[in-house]
Amino acid sequence: SSTSVRFYQTYEGVFILPTPSLPKVYIALNACINDGGFVEVRLLANGKPLPGYQKRLPTQDSVHIPLFEQLPDGEFQIELILQNTQLYSITF
């Protein structure tokens, strides 16, 4: 079972999303990162970055962009920094 947060427009900015209290196996994006754009992803615990959970994604267009091979135990938030990106959904 997975949960999706859905978006349908081009975003630029910073978003911090809480994750539900469900078992999380992976996080993936459905996004179009346009030329000159990027997505930076950080996982946070209590608002502070978790070591080893930061990634910058270059230009690409895919319905399934995996973010991390393993996820941390416990509660965390997803911080997204977007530029010139169409973000359609986040699945976890």
PDB file of N, CA and C in Angstrom:
ATOM      1  N   SER A   1       0.843  -1.177   0.000  1.00  0.00           N
ATOM      2  CA  SER A   1       0.000   0.000   0.000  1.00  0.00           C
ATOM      3  C   SER A   1       0.890   1.243   0.000  1.00  0.00           C
ATOM      4  N   SER A   2       0.504   2.235  -0.777  1.00  0.00           N
ATOM      5  CA  SER A   2       1.294   3.462  -0.838  1.00  0.00           C
ATOM      6  C   SER A   2       0.380   4.667  -0.699  1.00  0.00           C
ATOM      7  N   THR A   3       0.974   5.780  -0.378  1.00  0.00           N
ATOM      8  CA  THR A   3       0.260   7.043  -0.245  1.00  0.00           C
ATOM      9  C   THR A   3       0.854   8.013  -1.237  1.00  0.00           C
ATOM     10  N   SER A   4      -0.005   8.801  -1.899  1.00  0.00           N
ATOM     11  CA  SER A   4       0.480   9.805  -2.845  1.00  0.00           C
ATOM     12  C   SER A   4      -0.014  11.178  -2.443  1.00  0.00           C
ATOM     13  N   VAL A   5       0.855  12.156  -2.589  1.00  0.00           N
ATOM     14  CA  VAL A   5       0.483  13.559  -2.481  1.00  0.00           C
ATOM     15  C   VAL A   5       0.543  14.078  -3.902  1.00  0.00           C
ATOM     16  N   ARG A   6      -0.548  14.663  -4.399  1.00  0.00           N
ATOM     17  CA  ARG A   6      -0.620  15.032  -5.813  1.00  0.00           C
ATOM     18  C   ARG A   6      -0.565  16.548  -6.008  1.00  0.00           C
ATOM     19  N   PHE A   7       0.136  16.964  -7.061  1.00  0.00           N
ATOM     20  CA  PHE A   7       0.292  18.358  -7.452  1.00  0.00           C
ATOM     21  C   PHE A   7       0.055  18.429  -8.954  1.00  0.00           C
ATOM     22  N   TYR A   8      -0.330  19.581  -9.465  1.00  0.00           N
ATOM     23  CA  TYR A   8      -0.565  19.675 -10.908  1.00  0.00           C
ATOM     24  C   TYR A   8      -0.162  21.021 -11.492  1.00  0.00           C
ATOM     25  N   GLN A   9       0.966  21.546 -11.142  1.00  0.00           N
ATOM     26  CA  GLN A   9       1.429  22.778 -11.762  1.00  0.00           C
ATOM     27  C   GLN A   9       2.925  22.932 -11.564  1.00  0.00           C
ATOM     28  N   THR A  10       3.487  23.933 -12.220  1.00  0.00           N
ATOM     29  CA  THR A  10       4.913  24.194 -12.075  1.00  0.00           C
ATOM     30  C   THR A  10       5.139  24.931 -10.760  1.00  0.00           C
ATOM     31  N   TYR A  11       6.083  24.444  -9.997  1.00  0.00           N
ATOM     32  CA  TYR A  11       6.370  25.032  -8.700  1.00  0.00           C
ATOM     33  C   TYR A  11       7.787  25.557  -8.644  1.00  0.00           C
ATOM     34  N   GLU A  12       7.952  26.625  -7.915  1.00  0.00           N
ATOM     35  CA  GLU A  12       9.261  27.115  -7.517  1.00  0.00           C
ATOM     36  C   GLU A  12       9.119  27.519  -6.064  1.00  0.00           C
ATOM     37  N   GLY A  13       9.966  27.004  -5.223  1.00  0.00           N
ATOM     38  CA  GLY A  13       9.896  27.338  -3.815  1.00  0.00           C
ATOM     39  C   GLY A  13      10.322  26.182  -2.950  1.00  0.00           C
ATOM     40  N   VAL A  14      10.027  26.306  -1.662  1.00  0.00           N
ATOM     41  CA  VAL A  14      10.402  25.301  -0.674  1.00  0.00           C
ATOM     42  C   VAL A  14       9.124  24.783  -0.023  1.00  0.00           C
ATOM     43  N   PHE A  15       9.013  23.472   0.061  1.00  0.00           N
ATOM     44  CA  PHE A  15       7.858  22.835   0.674  1.00  0.00           C
ATOM     45  C   PHE A  15       8.357  21.811   1.679  1.00  0.00           C
ATOM     46  N   ILE A  16       7.708  21.748   2.839  1.00  0.00           N
ATOM     47  CA  ILE A  16       8.022  20.718   3.828  1.00  0.00           C
ATOM     48  C   ILE A  16       6.735  19.946   4.085  1.00  0.00           C
ATOM     49  N   LEU A  17       6.787  18.642   3.814  1.00  0.00           N
ATOM     50  CA  LEU A  17       5.618  17.791   3.937  1.00  0.00           C
ATOM     51  C   LEU A  17       5.818  16.783   5.055  1.00  0.00           C
ATOM     52  N   PRO A  18       4.835  16.655   5.959  1.00  0.00           N
ATOM     53  CA  PRO A  18       4.911  15.577   6.937  1.00  0.00           C
ATOM     54  C   PRO A  18       4.596  14.258   6.238  1.00  0.00           C
ATOM     55  N   THR A  19       5.096  13.163   6.749  1.00  0.00           N
ATOM     56  CA  THR A  19       4.753  11.856   6.202  1.00  0.00           C
ATOM     57  C   THR A  19       3.798  11.177   7.170  1.00  0.00           C
ATOM     58  N   PRO A  20       2.873  10.385   6.655  1.00  0.00           N
ATOM     59  CA  PRO A  20       1.924   9.723   7.551  1.00  0.00           C
ATOM     60  C   PRO A  20       2.615   8.671   8.415  1.00  0.00           C
ATOM     61  N   SER A  21       1.954   8.291   9.483  1.00  0.00           N
ATOM     62  CA  SER A  21       2.505   7.280  10.394  1.00  0.00           C
ATOM     63  C   SER A  21       2.227   5.881   9.849  1.00  0.00           C
ATOM     64  N   LEU A  22       2.726   5.619   8.677  1.00  0.00           N
ATOM     65  CA  LEU A  22       2.579   4.320   8.032  1.00  0.00           C
ATOM     66  C   LEU A  22       3.963   3.784   7.725  1.00  0.00           C
ATOM     67  N   PRO A  23       4.102   2.471   7.572  1.00  0.00           N
ATOM     68  CA  PRO A  23       5.407   1.956   7.138  1.00  0.00           C
ATOM     69  C   PRO A  23       5.780   2.554   5.783  1.00  0.00           C
ATOM     70  N   LYS A  24       6.996   3.043   5.673  1.00  0.00           N
ATOM     71  CA  LYS A  24       7.452   3.658   4.425  1.00  0.00           C
ATOM     72  C   LYS A  24       8.615   2.836   3.885  1.00  0.00           C
ATOM     73  N   VAL A  25       8.468   2.357   2.660  1.00  0.00           N
ATOM     74  CA  VAL A  25       9.490   1.515   2.054  1.00  0.00           C
ATOM     75  C   VAL A  25      10.351   2.329   1.095  1.00  0.00           C
ATOM     76  N   TYR A  26       9.753   3.305   0.437  1.00  0.00           N
ATOM     77  CA  TYR A  26      10.470   4.107  -0.558  1.00  0.00           C
ATOM     78  C   TYR A  26       9.772   5.451  -0.702  1.00  0.00           C
ATOM     79  N   ILE A  27      10.433   6.376  -1.368  1.00  0.00           N
ATOM     80  CA  ILE A  27       9.832   7.645  -1.778  1.00  0.00           C
ATOM     81  C   ILE A  27      10.199   7.838  -3.240  1.00  0.00           C
ATOM     82  N   ALA A  28       9.207   8.208  -4.045  1.00  0.00           N
ATOM     83  CA  ALA A  28       9.452   8.457  -5.464  1.00  0.00           C
ATOM     84  C   ALA A  28       8.647   9.671  -5.906  1.00  0.00           C
ATOM     85  N   LEU A  29       9.175  10.372  -6.904  1.00  0.00           N
ATOM     86  CA  LEU A  29       8.491  11.526  -7.483  1.00  0.00           C
ATOM     87  C   LEU A  29       7.995  11.192  -8.876  1.00  0.00           C
ATOM     88  N   ASN A  30       6.886  11.796  -9.244  1.00  0.00           N
ATOM     89  CA  ASN A  30       6.431  11.869 -10.627  1.00  0.00           C
ATOM     90  C   ASN A  30       6.603  13.339 -10.979  1.00  0.00           C
ATOM     91  N   ALA A  31       7.595  13.650 -11.811  1.00  0.00           N
ATOM     92  CA  ALA A  31       7.932  15.055 -12.042  1.00  0.00           C
ATOM     93  C   ALA A  31       8.582  15.260 -13.399  1.00  0.00           C
ATOM     94  N   CYS A  32       8.472  16.480 -13.874  1.00  0.00           N
ATOM     95  CA  CYS A  32       9.213  16.932 -15.049  1.00  0.00           C
ATOM     96  C   CYS A  32      10.099  18.081 -14.581  1.00  0.00           C
ATOM     97  N   ILE A  33      11.396  17.809 -14.496  1.00  0.00           N
ATOM     98  CA  ILE A  33      12.367  18.827 -14.103  1.00  0.00           C
ATOM     99  C   ILE A  33      12.899  19.420 -15.398  1.00  0.00           C
ATOM    100  N   ASN A  34      12.487  20.632 -15.704  1.00  0.00           N
ATOM    101  CA  ASN A  34      12.789  21.269 -16.980  1.00  0.00           C
ATOM    102  C   ASN A  34      14.236  21.752 -17.056  1.00  0.00           C
ATOM    103  N   ASP A  35      14.687  22.091 -18.277  1.00  0.00           N
ATOM    104  CA  ASP A  35      16.036  22.626 -18.476  1.00  0.00           C
ATOM    105  C   ASP A  35      16.275  23.795 -17.528  1.00  0.00           C
ATOM    106  N   GLY A  36      17.406  23.789 -16.872  1.00  0.00           N
ATOM    107  CA  GLY A  36      17.731  24.846 -15.921  1.00  0.00           C
ATOM    108  C   GLY A  36      17.062  24.668 -14.571  1.00  0.00           C
ATOM    109  N   GLY A  37      16.253  23.638 -14.428  1.00  0.00           N
ATOM    110  CA  GLY A  37      15.558  23.399 -13.171  1.00  0.00           C
ATOM    111  C   GLY A  37      16.226  22.314 -12.354  1.00  0.00           C
ATOM    112  N   PHE A  38      15.714  22.120 -11.151  1.00  0.00           N
ATOM    113  CA  PHE A  38      16.211  21.066 -10.273  1.00  0.00           C
ATOM    114  C   PHE A  38      15.199  20.817  -9.176  1.00  0.00           C
ATOM    115  N   VAL A  39      15.387  19.705  -8.508  1.00  0.00           N
ATOM    116  CA  VAL A  39      14.685  19.400  -7.264  1.00  0.00           C
ATOM    117  C   VAL A  39      15.748  18.991  -6.258  1.00  0.00           C
ATOM    118  N   GLU A  40      15.741  19.638  -5.110  1.00  0.00           N
ATOM    119  CA  GLU A  40      16.569  19.194  -3.988  1.00  0.00           C
ATOM    120  C   GLU A  40      15.628  18.565  -2.975  1.00  0.00           C
ATOM    121  N   VAL A  41      15.998  17.394  -2.502  1.00  0.00           N
ATOM    122  CA  VAL A  41      15.187  16.662  -1.538  1.00  0.00           C
ATOM    123  C   VAL A  41      16.020  16.440  -0.288  1.00  0.00           C
ATOM    124  N   ARG A  42      15.436  16.735   0.852  1.00  0.00           N
ATOM    125  CA  ARG A  42      16.077  16.452   2.138  1.00  0.00           C
ATOM    126  C   ARG A  42      15.042  15.799   3.036  1.00  0.00           C
ATOM    127  N   LEU A  43      15.472  14.821   3.790  1.00  0.00           N
ATOM    128  CA  LEU A  43      14.621  14.265   4.829  1.00  0.00           C
ATOM    129  C   LEU A  43      15.022  14.910   6.145  1.00  0.00           C
ATOM    130  N   LEU A  44      14.011  15.315   6.909  1.00  0.00           N
ATOM    131  CA  LEU A  44      14.223  16.035   8.162  1.00  0.00           C
ATOM    132  C   LEU A  44      13.623  15.262   9.327  1.00  0.00           C
ATOM    133  N   ALA A  45      14.245  15.364  10.473  1.00  0.00           N
ATOM    134  CA  ALA A  45      13.682  14.872  11.731  1.00  0.00           C
ATOM    135  C   ALA A  45      13.625  16.061  12.675  1.00  0.00           C
ATOM    136  N   ASN A  46      12.440  16.382  13.132  1.00  0.00           N
ATOM    137  CA  ASN A  46      12.248  17.547  14.004  1.00  0.00           C
ATOM    138  C   ASN A  46      12.813  18.814  13.379  1.00  0.00           C
ATOM    139  N   GLY A  47      12.665  18.939  12.052  1.00  0.00           N
ATOM    140  CA  GLY A  47      13.101  20.137  11.348  1.00  0.00           C
ATOM    141  C   GLY A  47      14.579  20.206  11.025  1.00  0.00           C
ATOM    142  N   LYS A  48      15.340  19.177  11.388  1.00  0.00           N
ATOM    143  CA  LYS A  48      16.786  19.175  11.126  1.00  0.00           C
ATOM    144  C   LYS A  48      17.129  18.098  10.099  1.00  0.00           C
ATOM    145  N   PRO A  49      18.043  18.391   9.158  1.00  0.00           N
ATOM    146  CA  PRO A  49      18.404  17.413   8.124  1.00  0.00           C
ATOM    147  C   PRO A  49      18.973  16.124   8.718  1.00  0.00           C
ATOM    148  N   LEU A  50      18.543  15.014   8.152  1.00  0.00           N
ATOM    149  CA  LEU A  50      19.092  13.713   8.528  1.00  0.00           C
ATOM    150  C   LEU A  50      20.328  13.437   7.677  1.00  0.00           C
ATOM    151  N   PRO A  51      21.466  13.126   8.288  1.00  0.00           N
ATOM    152  CA  PRO A  51      22.685  12.856   7.515  1.00  0.00           C
ATOM    153  C   PRO A  51      22.465  11.716   6.513  1.00  0.00           C
ATOM    154  N   GLY A  52      22.952  11.919   5.295  1.00  0.00           N
ATOM    155  CA  GLY A  52      22.846  10.903   4.253  1.00  0.00           C
ATOM    156  C   GLY A  52      21.546  10.922   3.478  1.00  0.00           C
ATOM    157  N   TYR A  53      20.636  11.841   3.818  1.00  0.00           N
ATOM    158  CA  TYR A  53      19.343  11.901   3.142  1.00  0.00           C
ATOM    159  C   TYR A  53      19.146  13.254   2.474  1.00  0.00           C
ATOM    160  N   GLN A  54      20.035  13.558   1.545  1.00  0.00           N
ATOM    161  CA  GLN A  54      19.930  14.776   0.746  1.00  0.00           C
ATOM    162  C   GLN A  54      20.302  14.406  -0.681  1.00  0.00           C
ATOM    163  N   LYS A  55      19.533  14.915  -1.638  1.00  0.00           N
ATOM    164  CA  LYS A  55      19.775  14.579  -3.036  1.00  0.00           C
ATOM    165  C   LYS A  55      19.339  15.752  -3.908  1.00  0.00           C
ATOM    166  N   ARG A  56      20.110  16.034  -4.949  1.00  0.00           N
ATOM    167  CA  ARG A  56      19.743  17.053  -5.938  1.00  0.00           C
ATOM    168  C   ARG A  56      19.515  16.336  -7.262  1.00  0.00           C
ATOM    169  N   LEU A  57      18.327  16.502  -7.812  1.00  0.00           N
ATOM    170  CA  LEU A  57      17.942  15.833  -9.053  1.00  0.00           C
ATOM    171  C   LEU A  57      18.077  16.788 -10.228  1.00  0.00           C
ATOM    172  N   PRO A  58      18.741  16.354 -11.292  1.00  0.00           N
ATOM    173  CA  PRO A  58      18.902  17.191 -12.485  1.00  0.00           C
ATOM    174  C   PRO A  58      17.698  17.055 -13.423  1.00  0.00           C
ATOM    175  N   THR A  59      17.796  17.701 -14.572  1.00  0.00           N
ATOM    176  CA  THR A  59      16.755  17.674 -15.595  1.00  0.00           C
ATOM    177  C   THR A  59      16.369  16.241 -15.939  1.00  0.00           C
ATOM    178  N   GLN A  60      15.072  15.955 -15.859  1.00  0.00           N
ATOM    179  CA  GLN A  60      14.531  14.652 -16.254  1.00  0.00           C
ATOM    180  C   GLN A  60      13.011  14.721 -16.222  1.00  0.00           C
ATOM    181  N   ASP A  61      12.378  13.766 -16.870  1.00  0.00           N
ATOM    182  CA  ASP A  61      10.920  13.688 -16.928  1.00  0.00           C
ATOM    183  C   ASP A  61      10.547  12.224 -16.760  1.00  0.00           C
ATOM    184  N   SER A  62       9.939  11.893 -15.625  1.00  0.00           N
ATOM    185  CA  SER A  62       9.628  10.493 -15.356  1.00  0.00           C
ATOM    186  C   SER A  62       8.447  10.391 -14.400  1.00  0.00           C
ATOM    187  N   VAL A  63       7.685   9.315 -14.551  1.00  0.00           N
ATOM    188  CA  VAL A  63       6.583   9.057 -13.624  1.00  0.00           C
ATOM    189  C   VAL A  63       7.075   8.380 -12.345  1.00  0.00           C
ATOM    190  N   HIS A  64       8.339   7.918 -12.345  1.00  0.00           N
ATOM    191  CA  HIS A  64       8.874   7.247 -11.150  1.00  0.00           C
ATOM    192  C   HIS A  64      10.362   7.583 -10.999  1.00  0.00           C
ATOM    193  N   ILE A  65      10.640   8.591 -10.185  1.00  0.00           N
ATOM    194  CA  ILE A  65      12.020   8.982  -9.881  1.00  0.00           C
ATOM    195  C   ILE A  65      12.285   8.563  -8.433  1.00  0.00           C
ATOM    196  N   PRO A  66      12.965   7.419  -8.221  1.00  0.00           N
ATOM    197  CA  PRO A  66      13.239   6.987  -6.848  1.00  0.00           C
ATOM    198  C   PRO A  66      14.226   7.931  -6.171  1.00  0.00           C
ATOM    199  N   LEU A  67      14.023   8.136  -4.866  1.00  0.00           N
ATOM    200  CA  LEU A  67      14.854   9.108  -4.156  1.00  0.00           C
ATOM    201  C   LEU A  67      15.919   8.473  -3.277  1.00  0.00           C
ATOM    202  N   PHE A  68      15.561   7.537  -2.435  1.00  0.00           N
ATOM    203  CA  PHE A  68      16.522   6.933  -1.513  1.00  0.00           C
ATOM    204  C   PHE A  68      16.305   5.426  -1.475  1.00  0.00           C
ATOM    205  N   GLU A  69      17.406   4.660  -1.416  1.00  0.00           N
ATOM    206  CA  GLU A  69      17.306   3.198  -1.394  1.00  0.00           C
ATOM    207  C   GLU A  69      16.741   2.692  -0.074  1.00  0.00           C
ATOM    208  N   GLN A  70      17.065   3.358   1.015  1.00  0.00           N
ATOM    209  CA  GLN A  70      16.526   3.018   2.329  1.00  0.00           C
ATOM    210  C   GLN A  70      16.037   4.291   2.990  1.00  0.00           C
ATOM    211  N   LEU A  71      15.028   4.141   3.835  1.00  0.00           N
ATOM    212  CA  LEU A  71      14.487   5.285   4.553  1.00  0.00           C
ATOM    213  C   LEU A  71      14.829   5.160   6.033  1.00  0.00           C
ATOM    214  N   PRO A  72      14.904   6.294   6.729  1.00  0.00           N
ATOM    215  CA  PRO A  72      15.226   6.244   8.155  1.00  0.00           C
ATOM    216  C   PRO A  72      14.072   5.655   8.961  1.00  0.00           C
ATOM    217  N   ASP A  73      14.403   5.117  10.114  1.00  0.00           N
ATOM    218  CA  ASP A  73      13.374   4.657  11.044  1.00  0.00           C
ATOM    219  C   ASP A  73      12.718   5.870  11.680  1.00  0.00           C
ATOM    220  N   GLY A  74      11.492   5.720  12.091  1.00  0.00           N
ATOM    221  CA  GLY A  74      10.807   6.777  12.820  1.00  0.00           C
ATOM    222  C   GLY A  74      10.183   7.826  11.914  1.00  0.00           C
ATOM    223  N   GLU A  75       9.681   8.859  12.546  1.00  0.00           N
ATOM    224  CA  GLU A  75       8.994   9.940  11.840  1.00  0.00           C
ATOM    225  C   GLU A  75       9.994  10.869  11.164  1.00  0.00           C
ATOM    226  N   PHE A  76       9.623  11.361  10.002  1.00  0.00           N
ATOM    227  CA  PHE A  76      10.442  12.349   9.312  1.00  0.00           C
ATOM    228  C   PHE A  76       9.567  13.174   8.391  1.00  0.00           C
ATOM    229  N   GLN A  77      10.112  14.294   7.942  1.00  0.00           N
ATOM    230  CA  GLN A  77       9.439  15.159   6.986  1.00  0.00           C
ATOM    231  C   GLN A  77      10.256  15.160   5.701  1.00  0.00           C
ATOM    232  N   ILE A  78       9.578  15.514   4.606  1.00  0.00           N
ATOM    233  CA  ILE A  78      10.235  15.624   3.303  1.00  0.00           C
ATOM    234  C   ILE A  78      10.313  17.098   2.954  1.00  0.00           C
ATOM    235  N   GLU A  79      11.527  17.609   2.757  1.00  0.00           N
ATOM    236  CA  GLU A  79      11.713  18.989   2.311  1.00  0.00           C
ATOM    237  C   GLU A  79      12.061  18.957   0.827  1.00  0.00           C
ATOM    238  N   LEU A  80      11.319  19.725   0.037  1.00  0.00           N
ATOM    239  CA  LEU A  80      11.554  19.826  -1.406  1.00  0.00           C
ATOM    240  C   LEU A  80      11.873  21.266  -1.754  1.00  0.00           C
ATOM    241  N   ILE A  81      12.948  21.471  -2.489  1.00  0.00           N
ATOM    242  CA  ILE A  81      13.290  22.785  -3.030  1.00  0.00           C
ATOM    243  C   ILE A  81      13.198  22.636  -4.539  1.00  0.00           C
ATOM    244  N   LEU A  82      12.292  23.371  -5.147  1.00  0.00           N
ATOM    245  CA  LEU A  82      11.985  23.203  -6.564  1.00  0.00           C
ATOM    246  C   LEU A  82      12.298  24.457  -7.354  1.00  0.00           C
ATOM    247  N   GLN A  83      12.823  24.252  -8.546  1.00  0.00           N
ATOM    248  CA  GLN A  83      13.001  25.349  -9.491  1.00  0.00           C
ATOM    249  C   GLN A  83      12.679  24.825 -10.879  1.00  0.00           C
ATOM    250  N   ASN A  84      11.791  25.527 -11.585  1.00  0.00           N
ATOM    251  CA  ASN A  84      11.402  25.197 -12.956  1.00  0.00           C
ATOM    252  C   ASN A  84      11.047  23.713 -13.080  1.00  0.00           C
ATOM    253  N   THR A  85      10.161  23.272 -12.200  1.00  0.00           N
ATOM    254  CA  THR A  85       9.788  21.863 -12.113  1.00  0.00           C
ATOM    255  C   THR A  85       8.278  21.715 -12.065  1.00  0.00           C
ATOM    256  N   GLN A  86       7.778  20.744 -12.814  1.00  0.00           N
ATOM    257  CA  GLN A  86       6.377  20.358 -12.713  1.00  0.00           C
ATOM    258  C   GLN A  86       6.336  19.102 -11.853  1.00  0.00           C
ATOM    259  N   LEU A  87       5.799  19.234 -10.656  1.00  0.00           N
ATOM    260  CA  LEU A  87       5.708  18.119  -9.720  1.00  0.00           C
ATOM    261  C   LEU A  87       4.275  17.614  -9.748  1.00  0.00           C
ATOM    262  N   TYR A  88       4.113  16.338 -10.093  1.00  0.00           N
ATOM    263  CA  TYR A  88       2.777  15.766 -10.209  1.00  0.00           C
ATOM    264  C   TYR A  88       2.381  14.980  -8.967  1.00  0.00           C
ATOM    265  N   SER A  89       3.310  14.225  -8.395  1.00  0.00           N
ATOM    266  CA  SER A  89       2.984  13.494  -7.172  1.00  0.00           C
ATOM    267  C   SER A  89       4.251  13.026  -6.468  1.00  0.00           C
ATOM    268  N   ILE A  90       4.072  12.759  -5.178  1.00  0.00           N
ATOM    269  CA  ILE A  90       5.100  12.135  -4.349  1.00  0.00           C
ATOM    270  C   ILE A  90       4.452  10.876  -3.794  1.00  0.00           C
ATOM    271  N   THR A  91       5.099   9.748  -3.972  1.00  0.00           N
ATOM    272  CA  THR A  91       4.559   8.483  -3.479  1.00  0.00           C
ATOM    273  C   THR A  91       5.498   7.923  -2.426  1.00  0.00           C
ATOM    274  N   PHE A  92       4.909   7.482  -1.318  1.00  0.00           N
ATOM    275  CA  PHE A  92       5.703   6.859  -0.264  1.00  0.00           C
ATOM    276  C   PHE A  92       4.893   5.769   0.387  1.00  0.00           C
TER     277      PHE A  92
END
